[in-house]
Amino acid sequence: IEPGYFEKFPLSIGQLPEDADQLVF
């Protein structure tokens, strides 16, 4: 990623927890 730019890094994730309101990466 060169200066002045950004990029998105996609992931498919699961199964998301049922007992949490957020996930910290």
mmCIF file of all heavy atoms, coordinates in Angstrom:
data_MODEL
# 
_entry.id   MODEL 
# 
loop_
_atom_site.group_PDB 
_atom_site.id 
_atom_site.type_symbol 
_atom_site.label_atom_id 
_atom_site.label_alt_id 
_atom_site.label_comp_id 
_atom_site.label_asym_id 
_atom_site.label_entity_id 
_atom_site.label_seq_id 
_atom_site.pdbx_PDB_ins_code 
_atom_site.Cartn_x 
_atom_site.Cartn_y 
_atom_site.Cartn_z 
_atom_site.occupancy 
_atom_site.B_iso_or_equiv 
_atom_site.pdbx_formal_charge 
_atom_site.auth_seq_id 
_atom_site.auth_comp_id 
_atom_site.auth_asym_id 
_atom_site.auth_atom_id 
_atom_site.pdbx_PDB_model_num 
ATOM 1   N N   . ILE A 1 1  ? 0.875   -1.187  0.000  1.00 0.00 ? 1  ILE A N   1 
ATOM 2   C CA  . ILE A 1 1  ? 0.000   0.000   0.000  1.00 0.00 ? 1  ILE A CA  1 
ATOM 3   C C   . ILE A 1 1  ? 0.903   1.225   0.000  1.00 0.00 ? 1  ILE A C   1 
ATOM 4   O O   . ILE A 1 1  ? 1.571   1.532   0.992  1.00 0.00 ? 1  ILE A O   1 
ATOM 5   C CB  . ILE A 1 1  ? -0.919  0.016   1.231  1.00 0.00 ? 1  ILE A CB  1 
ATOM 6   C CG1 . ILE A 1 1  ? -1.688  -1.305  1.357  1.00 0.00 ? 1  ILE A CG1 1 
ATOM 7   C CG2 . ILE A 1 1  ? -1.906  1.172   1.138  1.00 0.00 ? 1  ILE A CG2 1 
ATOM 8   C CD1 . ILE A 1 1  ? -2.506  -1.417  2.623  1.00 0.00 ? 1  ILE A CD1 1 
ATOM 9   N N   . GLU A 1 2  ? 0.910   1.955   -1.084 1.00 0.00 ? 2  GLU A N   1 
ATOM 10  C CA  . GLU A 1 2  ? 1.786   3.110   -1.226 1.00 0.00 ? 2  GLU A CA  1 
ATOM 11  C C   . GLU A 1 2  ? 1.220   4.330   -0.499 1.00 0.00 ? 2  GLU A C   1 
ATOM 12  O O   . GLU A 1 2  ? 0.029   4.370   -0.163 1.00 0.00 ? 2  GLU A O   1 
ATOM 13  C CB  . GLU A 1 2  ? 2.005   3.411   -2.706 1.00 0.00 ? 2  GLU A CB  1 
ATOM 14  C CG  . GLU A 1 2  ? 2.690   2.275   -3.469 1.00 0.00 ? 2  GLU A CG  1 
ATOM 15  C CD  . GLU A 1 2  ? 2.962   2.634   -4.907 1.00 0.00 ? 2  GLU A CD  1 
ATOM 16  O OE1 . GLU A 1 2  ? 4.019   3.224   -5.172 1.00 0.00 ? 2  GLU A OE1 1 
ATOM 17  O OE2 . GLU A 1 2  ? 2.114   2.327   -5.762 1.00 0.00 ? 2  GLU A OE2 1 
ATOM 18  N N   . PRO A 1 3  ? 2.046   5.342   -0.240 1.00 0.00 ? 3  PRO A N   1 
ATOM 19  C CA  . PRO A 1 3  ? 1.582   6.562   0.425  1.00 0.00 ? 3  PRO A CA  1 
ATOM 20  C C   . PRO A 1 3  ? 0.404   7.184   -0.310 1.00 0.00 ? 3  PRO A C   1 
ATOM 21  O O   . PRO A 1 3  ? 0.382   7.249   -1.543 1.00 0.00 ? 3  PRO A O   1 
ATOM 22  C CB  . PRO A 1 3  ? 2.819   7.479   0.378  1.00 0.00 ? 3  PRO A CB  1 
ATOM 23  C CG  . PRO A 1 3  ? 3.972   6.527   0.356  1.00 0.00 ? 3  PRO A CG  1 
ATOM 24  C CD  . PRO A 1 3  ? 3.509   5.371   -0.477 1.00 0.00 ? 3  PRO A CD  1 
ATOM 25  N N   . GLY A 1 4  ? -0.590  7.622   0.472  1.00 0.00 ? 4  GLY A N   1 
ATOM 26  C CA  . GLY A 1 4  ? -1.782  8.237   -0.105 1.00 0.00 ? 4  GLY A CA  1 
ATOM 27  C C   . GLY A 1 4  ? -2.874  7.262   -0.499 1.00 0.00 ? 4  GLY A C   1 
ATOM 28  O O   . GLY A 1 4  ? -3.893  7.671   -1.053 1.00 0.00 ? 4  GLY A O   1 
ATOM 29  N N   . TYR A 1 5  ? -2.693  5.970   -0.179 1.00 0.00 ? 5  TYR A N   1 
ATOM 30  C CA  . TYR A 1 5  ? -3.682  4.958   -0.550 1.00 0.00 ? 5  TYR A CA  1 
ATOM 31  C C   . TYR A 1 5  ? -4.075  4.107   0.662  1.00 0.00 ? 5  TYR A C   1 
ATOM 32  O O   . TYR A 1 5  ? -3.407  4.119   1.692  1.00 0.00 ? 5  TYR A O   1 
ATOM 33  C CB  . TYR A 1 5  ? -3.137  4.034   -1.645 1.00 0.00 ? 5  TYR A CB  1 
ATOM 34  C CG  . TYR A 1 5  ? -2.963  4.707   -2.979 1.00 0.00 ? 5  TYR A CG  1 
ATOM 35  C CD1 . TYR A 1 5  ? -1.770  5.377   -3.280 1.00 0.00 ? 5  TYR A CD1 1 
ATOM 36  C CD2 . TYR A 1 5  ? -3.975  4.694   -3.934 1.00 0.00 ? 5  TYR A CD2 1 
ATOM 37  C CE1 . TYR A 1 5  ? -1.599  6.009   -4.506 1.00 0.00 ? 5  TYR A CE1 1 
ATOM 38  C CE2 . TYR A 1 5  ? -3.814  5.316   -5.159 1.00 0.00 ? 5  TYR A CE2 1 
ATOM 39  C CZ  . TYR A 1 5  ? -2.627  5.975   -5.439 1.00 0.00 ? 5  TYR A CZ  1 
ATOM 40  O OH  . TYR A 1 5  ? -2.462  6.603   -6.651 1.00 0.00 ? 5  TYR A OH  1 
ATOM 41  N N   . PHE A 1 6  ? -5.188  3.384   0.500  1.00 0.00 ? 6  PHE A N   1 
ATOM 42  C CA  . PHE A 1 6  ? -5.593  2.400   1.499  1.00 0.00 ? 6  PHE A CA  1 
ATOM 43  C C   . PHE A 1 6  ? -6.028  1.144   0.760  1.00 0.00 ? 6  PHE A C   1 
ATOM 44  O O   . PHE A 1 6  ? -6.226  1.147   -0.458 1.00 0.00 ? 6  PHE A O   1 
ATOM 45  C CB  . PHE A 1 6  ? -6.733  2.923   2.388  1.00 0.00 ? 6  PHE A CB  1 
ATOM 46  C CG  . PHE A 1 6  ? -8.094  2.899   1.725  1.00 0.00 ? 6  PHE A CG  1 
ATOM 47  C CD1 . PHE A 1 6  ? -8.943  1.797   1.856  1.00 0.00 ? 6  PHE A CD1 1 
ATOM 48  C CD2 . PHE A 1 6  ? -8.528  3.964   0.956  1.00 0.00 ? 6  PHE A CD2 1 
ATOM 49  C CE1 . PHE A 1 6  ? -10.180 1.762   1.240  1.00 0.00 ? 6  PHE A CE1 1 
ATOM 50  C CE2 . PHE A 1 6  ? -9.773  3.943   0.334  1.00 0.00 ? 6  PHE A CE2 1 
ATOM 51  C CZ  . PHE A 1 6  ? -10.604 2.843   0.484  1.00 0.00 ? 6  PHE A CZ  1 
ATOM 52  N N   . GLU A 1 7  ? -6.200  0.080   1.511  1.00 0.00 ? 7  GLU A N   1 
ATOM 53  C CA  . GLU A 1 7  ? -6.652  -1.178  0.910  1.00 0.00 ? 7  GLU A CA  1 
ATOM 54  C C   . GLU A 1 7  ? -7.520  -1.938  1.910  1.00 0.00 ? 7  GLU A C   1 
ATOM 55  O O   . GLU A 1 7  ? -7.349  -1.793  3.121  1.00 0.00 ? 7  GLU A O   1 
ATOM 56  C CB  . GLU A 1 7  ? -5.460  -2.029  0.482  1.00 0.00 ? 7  GLU A CB  1 
ATOM 57  C CG  . GLU A 1 7  ? -5.828  -3.143  -0.501 1.00 0.00 ? 7  GLU A CG  1 
ATOM 58  C CD  . GLU A 1 7  ? -4.651  -3.579  -1.356 1.00 0.00 ? 7  GLU A CD  1 
ATOM 59  O OE1 . GLU A 1 7  ? -3.588  -2.927  -1.302 1.00 0.00 ? 7  GLU A OE1 1 
ATOM 60  O OE2 . GLU A 1 7  ? -4.810  -4.578  -2.065 1.00 0.00 ? 7  GLU A OE2 1 
ATOM 61  N N   . LYS A 1 8  ? -8.450  -2.736  1.367  1.00 0.00 ? 8  LYS A N   1 
ATOM 62  C CA  . LYS A 1 8  ? -9.313  -3.563  2.212  1.00 0.00 ? 8  LYS A CA  1 
ATOM 63  C C   . LYS A 1 8  ? -8.882  -5.023  2.110  1.00 0.00 ? 8  LYS A C   1 
ATOM 64  O O   . LYS A 1 8  ? -8.614  -5.524  1.019  1.00 0.00 ? 8  LYS A O   1 
ATOM 65  C CB  . LYS A 1 8  ? -10.777 -3.423  1.784  1.00 0.00 ? 8  LYS A CB  1 
ATOM 66  C CG  . LYS A 1 8  ? -11.376 -2.056  2.069  1.00 0.00 ? 8  LYS A CG  1 
ATOM 67  C CD  . LYS A 1 8  ? -12.840 -2.014  1.652  1.00 0.00 ? 8  LYS A CD  1 
ATOM 68  C CE  . LYS A 1 8  ? -13.462 -0.663  1.955  1.00 0.00 ? 8  LYS A CE  1 
ATOM 69  N NZ  . LYS A 1 8  ? -14.894 -0.619  1.546  1.00 0.00 ? 8  LYS A NZ  1 
ATOM 70  N N   . PHE A 1 9  ? -8.861  -5.688  3.276  1.00 0.00 ? 9  PHE A N   1 
ATOM 71  C CA  . PHE A 1 9  ? -8.472  -7.084  3.359  1.00 0.00 ? 9  PHE A CA  1 
ATOM 72  C C   . PHE A 1 9  ? -9.682  -7.888  3.844  1.00 0.00 ? 9  PHE A C   1 
ATOM 73  O O   . PHE A 1 9  ? -10.001 -7.879  5.036  1.00 0.00 ? 9  PHE A O   1 
ATOM 74  C CB  . PHE A 1 9  ? -7.286  -7.239  4.309  1.00 0.00 ? 9  PHE A CB  1 
ATOM 75  C CG  . PHE A 1 9  ? -6.041  -6.538  3.843  1.00 0.00 ? 9  PHE A CG  1 
ATOM 76  C CD1 . PHE A 1 9  ? -5.895  -5.168  4.006  1.00 0.00 ? 9  PHE A CD1 1 
ATOM 77  C CD2 . PHE A 1 9  ? -5.017  -7.244  3.233  1.00 0.00 ? 9  PHE A CD2 1 
ATOM 78  C CE1 . PHE A 1 9  ? -4.751  -4.505  3.569  1.00 0.00 ? 9  PHE A CE1 1 
ATOM 79  C CE2 . PHE A 1 9  ? -3.865  -6.600  2.793  1.00 0.00 ? 9  PHE A CE2 1 
ATOM 80  C CZ  . PHE A 1 9  ? -3.733  -5.221  2.958  1.00 0.00 ? 9  PHE A CZ  1 
ATOM 81  N N   . PRO A 1 10 ? -10.388 -8.583  2.947  1.00 0.00 ? 10 PRO A N   1 
ATOM 82  C CA  . PRO A 1 10 ? -11.629 -9.288  3.312  1.00 0.00 ? 10 PRO A CA  1 
ATOM 83  C C   . PRO A 1 10 ? -11.406 -10.679 3.881  1.00 0.00 ? 10 PRO A C   1 
ATOM 84  O O   . PRO A 1 10 ? -10.487 -11.402 3.485  1.00 0.00 ? 10 PRO A O   1 
ATOM 85  C CB  . PRO A 1 10 ? -12.396 -9.349  1.986  1.00 0.00 ? 10 PRO A CB  1 
ATOM 86  C CG  . PRO A 1 10 ? -11.338 -9.334  0.945  1.00 0.00 ? 10 PRO A CG  1 
ATOM 87  C CD  . PRO A 1 10 ? -10.160 -8.571  1.493  1.00 0.00 ? 10 PRO A CD  1 
ATOM 88  N N   . LEU A 1 11 ? -12.282 -11.042 4.823  1.00 0.00 ? 11 LEU A N   1 
ATOM 89  C CA  . LEU A 1 11 ? -12.286 -12.371 5.421  1.00 0.00 ? 11 LEU A CA  1 
ATOM 90  C C   . LEU A 1 11 ? -13.724 -12.829 5.605  1.00 0.00 ? 11 LEU A C   1 
ATOM 91  O O   . LEU A 1 11 ? -14.602 -12.038 5.963  1.00 0.00 ? 11 LEU A O   1 
ATOM 92  C CB  . LEU A 1 11 ? -11.602 -12.367 6.788  1.00 0.00 ? 11 LEU A CB  1 
ATOM 93  C CG  . LEU A 1 11 ? -10.077 -12.219 6.867  1.00 0.00 ? 11 LEU A CG  1 
ATOM 94  C CD1 . LEU A 1 11 ? -9.660  -12.123 8.322  1.00 0.00 ? 11 LEU A CD1 1 
ATOM 95  C CD2 . LEU A 1 11 ? -9.383  -13.381 6.190  1.00 0.00 ? 11 LEU A CD2 1 
ATOM 96  N N   . SER A 1 12 ? -13.953 -14.114 5.394  1.00 0.00 ? 12 SER A N   1 
ATOM 97  C CA  . SER A 1 12 ? -15.230 -14.728 5.760  1.00 0.00 ? 12 SER A CA  1 
ATOM 98  C C   . SER A 1 12 ? -15.008 -15.431 7.097  1.00 0.00 ? 12 SER A C   1 
ATOM 99  O O   . SER A 1 12 ? -14.130 -16.287 7.210  1.00 0.00 ? 12 SER A O   1 
ATOM 100 C CB  . SER A 1 12 ? -15.663 -15.728 4.694  1.00 0.00 ? 12 SER A CB  1 
ATOM 101 O OG  . SER A 1 12 ? -16.816 -16.443 5.121  1.00 0.00 ? 12 SER A OG  1 
ATOM 102 N N   . ILE A 1 13 ? -15.803 -15.056 8.103  1.00 0.00 ? 13 ILE A N   1 
ATOM 103 C CA  . ILE A 1 13 ? -15.584 -15.596 9.446  1.00 0.00 ? 13 ILE A CA  1 
ATOM 104 C C   . ILE A 1 13 ? -16.880 -16.140 10.043 1.00 0.00 ? 13 ILE A C   1 
ATOM 105 O O   . ILE A 1 13 ? -17.978 -15.734 9.688  1.00 0.00 ? 13 ILE A O   1 
ATOM 106 C CB  . ILE A 1 13 ? -14.993 -14.531 10.391 1.00 0.00 ? 13 ILE A CB  1 
ATOM 107 C CG1 . ILE A 1 13 ? -15.960 -13.345 10.531 1.00 0.00 ? 13 ILE A CG1 1 
ATOM 108 C CG2 . ILE A 1 13 ? -13.636 -14.051 9.897  1.00 0.00 ? 13 ILE A CG2 1 
ATOM 109 C CD1 . ILE A 1 13 ? -15.506 -12.305 11.542 1.00 0.00 ? 13 ILE A CD1 1 
ATOM 110 N N   . GLY A 1 14 ? -16.718 -17.074 10.967 1.00 0.00 ? 14 GLY A N   1 
ATOM 111 C CA  . GLY A 1 14 ? -17.857 -17.632 11.678 1.00 0.00 ? 14 GLY A CA  1 
ATOM 112 C C   . GLY A 1 14 ? -17.413 -18.853 12.491 1.00 0.00 ? 14 GLY A C   1 
ATOM 113 O O   . GLY A 1 14 ? -16.274 -19.273 12.397 1.00 0.00 ? 14 GLY A O   1 
ATOM 114 N N   . GLN A 1 15 ? -18.214 -19.387 13.220 1.00 0.00 ? 15 GLN A N   1 
ATOM 115 C CA  . GLN A 1 15 ? -19.523 -18.909 13.624 1.00 0.00 ? 15 GLN A CA  1 
ATOM 116 C C   . GLN A 1 15 ? -19.329 -17.857 14.708 1.00 0.00 ? 15 GLN A C   1 
ATOM 117 O O   . GLN A 1 15 ? -18.582 -18.064 15.648 1.00 0.00 ? 15 GLN A O   1 
ATOM 118 C CB  . GLN A 1 15 ? -20.373 -20.082 14.137 1.00 0.00 ? 15 GLN A CB  1 
ATOM 119 C CG  . GLN A 1 15 ? -21.770 -19.763 14.453 1.00 0.00 ? 15 GLN A CG  1 
ATOM 120 C CD  . GLN A 1 15 ? -22.549 -21.051 14.787 1.00 0.00 ? 15 GLN A CD  1 
ATOM 121 O OE1 . GLN A 1 15 ? -22.056 -22.157 14.766 1.00 0.00 ? 15 GLN A OE1 1 
ATOM 122 N NE2 . GLN A 1 15 ? -23.805 -20.872 15.126 1.00 0.00 ? 15 GLN A NE2 1 
ATOM 123 N N   . LEU A 1 16 ? -19.980 -16.701 14.550 1.00 0.00 ? 16 LEU A N   1 
ATOM 124 C CA  . LEU A 1 16 ? -19.817 -15.616 15.503 1.00 0.00 ? 16 LEU A CA  1 
ATOM 125 C C   . LEU A 1 16 ? -20.430 -16.002 16.845 1.00 0.00 ? 16 LEU A C   1 
ATOM 126 O O   . LEU A 1 16 ? -21.445 -16.706 16.890 1.00 0.00 ? 16 LEU A O   1 
ATOM 127 C CB  . LEU A 1 16 ? -20.468 -14.337 14.963 1.00 0.00 ? 16 LEU A CB  1 
ATOM 128 C CG  . LEU A 1 16 ? -19.892 -13.814 13.638 1.00 0.00 ? 16 LEU A CG  1 
ATOM 129 C CD1 . LEU A 1 16 ? -20.692 -12.625 13.140 1.00 0.00 ? 16 LEU A CD1 1 
ATOM 130 C CD2 . LEU A 1 16 ? -18.430 -13.444 13.795 1.00 0.00 ? 16 LEU A CD2 1 
ATOM 131 N N   . PRO A 1 17 ? -19.833 -15.553 17.938 1.00 0.00 ? 17 PRO A N   1 
ATOM 132 C CA  . PRO A 1 17 ? -20.343 -15.941 19.265 1.00 0.00 ? 17 PRO A CA  1 
ATOM 133 C C   . PRO A 1 17 ? -21.733 -15.365 19.524 1.00 0.00 ? 17 PRO A C   1 
ATOM 134 O O   . PRO A 1 17 ? -22.087 -14.307 19.005 1.00 0.00 ? 17 PRO A O   1 
ATOM 135 C CB  . PRO A 1 17 ? -19.307 -15.344 20.223 1.00 0.00 ? 17 PRO A CB  1 
ATOM 136 C CG  . PRO A 1 17 ? -18.694 -14.224 19.458 1.00 0.00 ? 17 PRO A CG  1 
ATOM 137 C CD  . PRO A 1 17 ? -18.662 -14.661 18.036 1.00 0.00 ? 17 PRO A CD  1 
ATOM 138 N N   . GLU A 1 18 ? -22.494 -16.071 20.334 1.00 0.00 ? 18 GLU A N   1 
ATOM 139 C CA  . GLU A 1 18 ? -23.834 -15.609 20.699 1.00 0.00 ? 18 GLU A CA  1 
ATOM 140 C C   . GLU A 1 18 ? -23.839 -14.862 22.039 1.00 0.00 ? 18 GLU A C   1 
ATOM 141 O O   . GLU A 1 18 ? -24.826 -14.223 22.377 1.00 0.00 ? 18 GLU A O   1 
ATOM 142 C CB  . GLU A 1 18 ? -24.796 -16.803 20.773 1.00 0.00 ? 18 GLU A CB  1 
ATOM 143 C CG  . GLU A 1 18 ? -24.956 -17.538 19.444 1.00 0.00 ? 18 GLU A CG  1 
ATOM 144 C CD  . GLU A 1 18 ? -25.910 -18.718 19.556 1.00 0.00 ? 18 GLU A CD  1 
ATOM 145 O OE1 . GLU A 1 18 ? -26.366 -19.001 20.693 1.00 0.00 ? 18 GLU A OE1 1 
ATOM 146 O OE2 . GLU A 1 18 ? -26.190 -19.353 18.532 1.00 0.00 ? 18 GLU A OE2 1 
ATOM 147 N N   . ASP A 1 19 ? -22.727 -14.989 22.790 1.00 0.00 ? 19 ASP A N   1 
ATOM 148 C CA  . ASP A 1 19 ? -22.669 -14.391 24.126 1.00 0.00 ? 19 ASP A CA  1 
ATOM 149 C C   . ASP A 1 19 ? -21.722 -13.194 24.193 1.00 0.00 ? 19 ASP A C   1 
ATOM 150 O O   . ASP A 1 19 ? -21.143 -12.904 25.238 1.00 0.00 ? 19 ASP A O   1 
ATOM 151 C CB  . ASP A 1 19 ? -22.245 -15.441 25.156 1.00 0.00 ? 19 ASP A CB  1 
ATOM 152 C CG  . ASP A 1 19 ? -20.901 -16.082 24.799 1.00 0.00 ? 19 ASP A CG  1 
ATOM 153 O OD1 . ASP A 1 19 ? -20.434 -15.871 23.659 1.00 0.00 ? 19 ASP A OD1 1 
ATOM 154 O OD2 . ASP A 1 19 ? -20.341 -16.779 25.658 1.00 0.00 ? 19 ASP A OD2 1 
ATOM 155 N N   . ALA A 1 20 ? -21.530 -12.502 23.060 1.00 0.00 ? 20 ALA A N   1 
ATOM 156 C CA  . ALA A 1 20 ? -20.647 -11.335 23.037 1.00 0.00 ? 20 ALA A CA  1 
ATOM 157 C C   . ALA A 1 20 ? -21.263 -10.258 22.151 1.00 0.00 ? 20 ALA A C   1 
ATOM 158 O O   . ALA A 1 20 ? -21.995 -10.559 21.196 1.00 0.00 ? 20 ALA A O   1 
ATOM 159 C CB  . ALA A 1 20 ? -19.258 -11.709 22.530 1.00 0.00 ? 20 ALA A CB  1 
ATOM 160 N N   . ASP A 1 21 ? -20.983 -9.002  22.479 1.00 0.00 ? 21 ASP A N   1 
ATOM 161 C CA  . ASP A 1 21 ? -21.492 -7.879  21.695 1.00 0.00 ? 21 ASP A CA  1 
ATOM 162 C C   . ASP A 1 21 ? -20.465 -7.372  20.690 1.00 0.00 ? 21 ASP A C   1 
ATOM 163 O O   . ASP A 1 21 ? -20.812 -6.617  19.783 1.00 0.00 ? 21 ASP A O   1 
ATOM 164 C CB  . ASP A 1 21 ? -21.908 -6.726  22.624 1.00 0.00 ? 21 ASP A CB  1 
ATOM 165 C CG  . ASP A 1 21 ? -23.078 -7.101  23.519 1.00 0.00 ? 21 ASP A CG  1 
ATOM 166 O OD1 . ASP A 1 21 ? -23.960 -7.845  23.054 1.00 0.00 ? 21 ASP A OD1 1 
ATOM 167 O OD2 . ASP A 1 21 ? -23.103 -6.658  24.687 1.00 0.00 ? 21 ASP A OD2 1 
ATOM 168 N N   . GLN A 1 22 ? -19.222 -7.765  20.868 1.00 0.00 ? 22 GLN A N   1 
ATOM 169 C CA  . GLN A 1 22 ? -18.174 -7.318  19.962 1.00 0.00 ? 22 GLN A CA  1 
ATOM 170 C C   . GLN A 1 22 ? -16.984 -8.272  19.995 1.00 0.00 ? 22 GLN A C   1 
ATOM 171 O O   . GLN A 1 22 ? -16.831 -9.061  20.921 1.00 0.00 ? 22 GLN A O   1 
ATOM 172 C CB  . GLN A 1 22 ? -17.714 -5.906  20.332 1.00 0.00 ? 22 GLN A CB  1 
ATOM 173 C CG  . GLN A 1 22 ? -17.077 -5.822  21.703 1.00 0.00 ? 22 GLN A CG  1 
ATOM 174 C CD  . GLN A 1 22 ? -16.643 -4.403  22.076 1.00 0.00 ? 22 GLN A CD  1 
ATOM 175 O OE1 . GLN A 1 22 ? -17.171 -3.419  21.535 1.00 0.00 ? 22 GLN A OE1 1 
ATOM 176 N NE2 . GLN A 1 22 ? -15.693 -4.273  22.963 1.00 0.00 ? 22 GLN A NE2 1 
ATOM 177 N N   . LEU A 1 23 ? -16.172 -8.196  18.952 1.00 0.00 ? 23 LEU A N   1 
ATOM 178 C CA  . LEU A 1 23 ? -14.932 -8.960  18.867 1.00 0.00 ? 23 LEU A CA  1 
ATOM 179 C C   . LEU A 1 23 ? -13.785 -7.984  18.632 1.00 0.00 ? 23 LEU A C   1 
ATOM 180 O O   . LEU A 1 23 ? -13.888 -7.088  17.784 1.00 0.00 ? 23 LEU A O   1 
ATOM 181 C CB  . LEU A 1 23 ? -14.982 -9.979  17.733 1.00 0.00 ? 23 LEU A CB  1 
ATOM 182 C CG  . LEU A 1 23 ? -15.953 -11.161 17.886 1.00 0.00 ? 23 LEU A CG  1 
ATOM 183 C CD1 . LEU A 1 23 ? -15.919 -12.029 16.635 1.00 0.00 ? 23 LEU A CD1 1 
ATOM 184 C CD2 . LEU A 1 23 ? -15.627 -11.982 19.121 1.00 0.00 ? 23 LEU A CD2 1 
ATOM 185 N N   . VAL A 1 24 ? -12.707 -8.159  19.381 1.00 0.00 ? 24 VAL A N   1 
ATOM 186 C CA  . VAL A 1 24 ? -11.546 -7.284  19.261 1.00 0.00 ? 24 VAL A CA  1 
ATOM 187 C C   . VAL A 1 24 ? -10.437 -8.033  18.530 1.00 0.00 ? 24 VAL A C   1 
ATOM 188 O O   . VAL A 1 24 ? -10.054 -9.137  18.923 1.00 0.00 ? 24 VAL A O   1 
ATOM 189 C CB  . VAL A 1 24 ? -11.049 -6.818  20.645 1.00 0.00 ? 24 VAL A CB  1 
ATOM 190 C CG1 . VAL A 1 24 ? -9.810  -5.944  20.493 1.00 0.00 ? 24 VAL A CG1 1 
ATOM 191 C CG2 . VAL A 1 24 ? -12.148 -6.056  21.382 1.00 0.00 ? 24 VAL A CG2 1 
ATOM 192 N N   . PHE A 1 25 ? -9.938  -7.426  17.448 1.00 0.00 ? 25 PHE A N   1 
ATOM 193 C CA  . PHE A 1 25 ? -8.842  -7.999  16.666 1.00 0.00 ? 25 PHE A CA  1 
ATOM 194 C C   . PHE A 1 25 ? -7.627  -7.075  16.805 1.00 0.00 ? 25 PHE A C   1 
ATOM 195 O O   . PHE A 1 25 ? -7.710  -5.900  16.450 1.00 0.00 ? 25 PHE A O   1 
ATOM 196 C CB  . PHE A 1 25 ? -9.223  -8.115  15.189 1.00 0.00 ? 25 PHE A CB  1 
ATOM 197 C CG  . PHE A 1 25 ? -10.429 -8.971  14.928 1.00 0.00 ? 25 PHE A CG  1 
ATOM 198 C CD1 . PHE A 1 25 ? -11.707 -8.430  14.967 1.00 0.00 ? 25 PHE A CD1 1 
ATOM 199 C CD2 . PHE A 1 25 ? -10.294 -10.315 14.637 1.00 0.00 ? 25 PHE A CD2 1 
ATOM 200 C CE1 . PHE A 1 25 ? -12.816 -9.212  14.714 1.00 0.00 ? 25 PHE A CE1 1 
ATOM 201 C CE2 . PHE A 1 25 ? -11.402 -11.111 14.384 1.00 0.00 ? 25 PHE A CE2 1 
ATOM 202 C CZ  . PHE A 1 25 ? -12.672 -10.554 14.433 1.00 0.00 ? 25 PHE A CZ  1 
# 
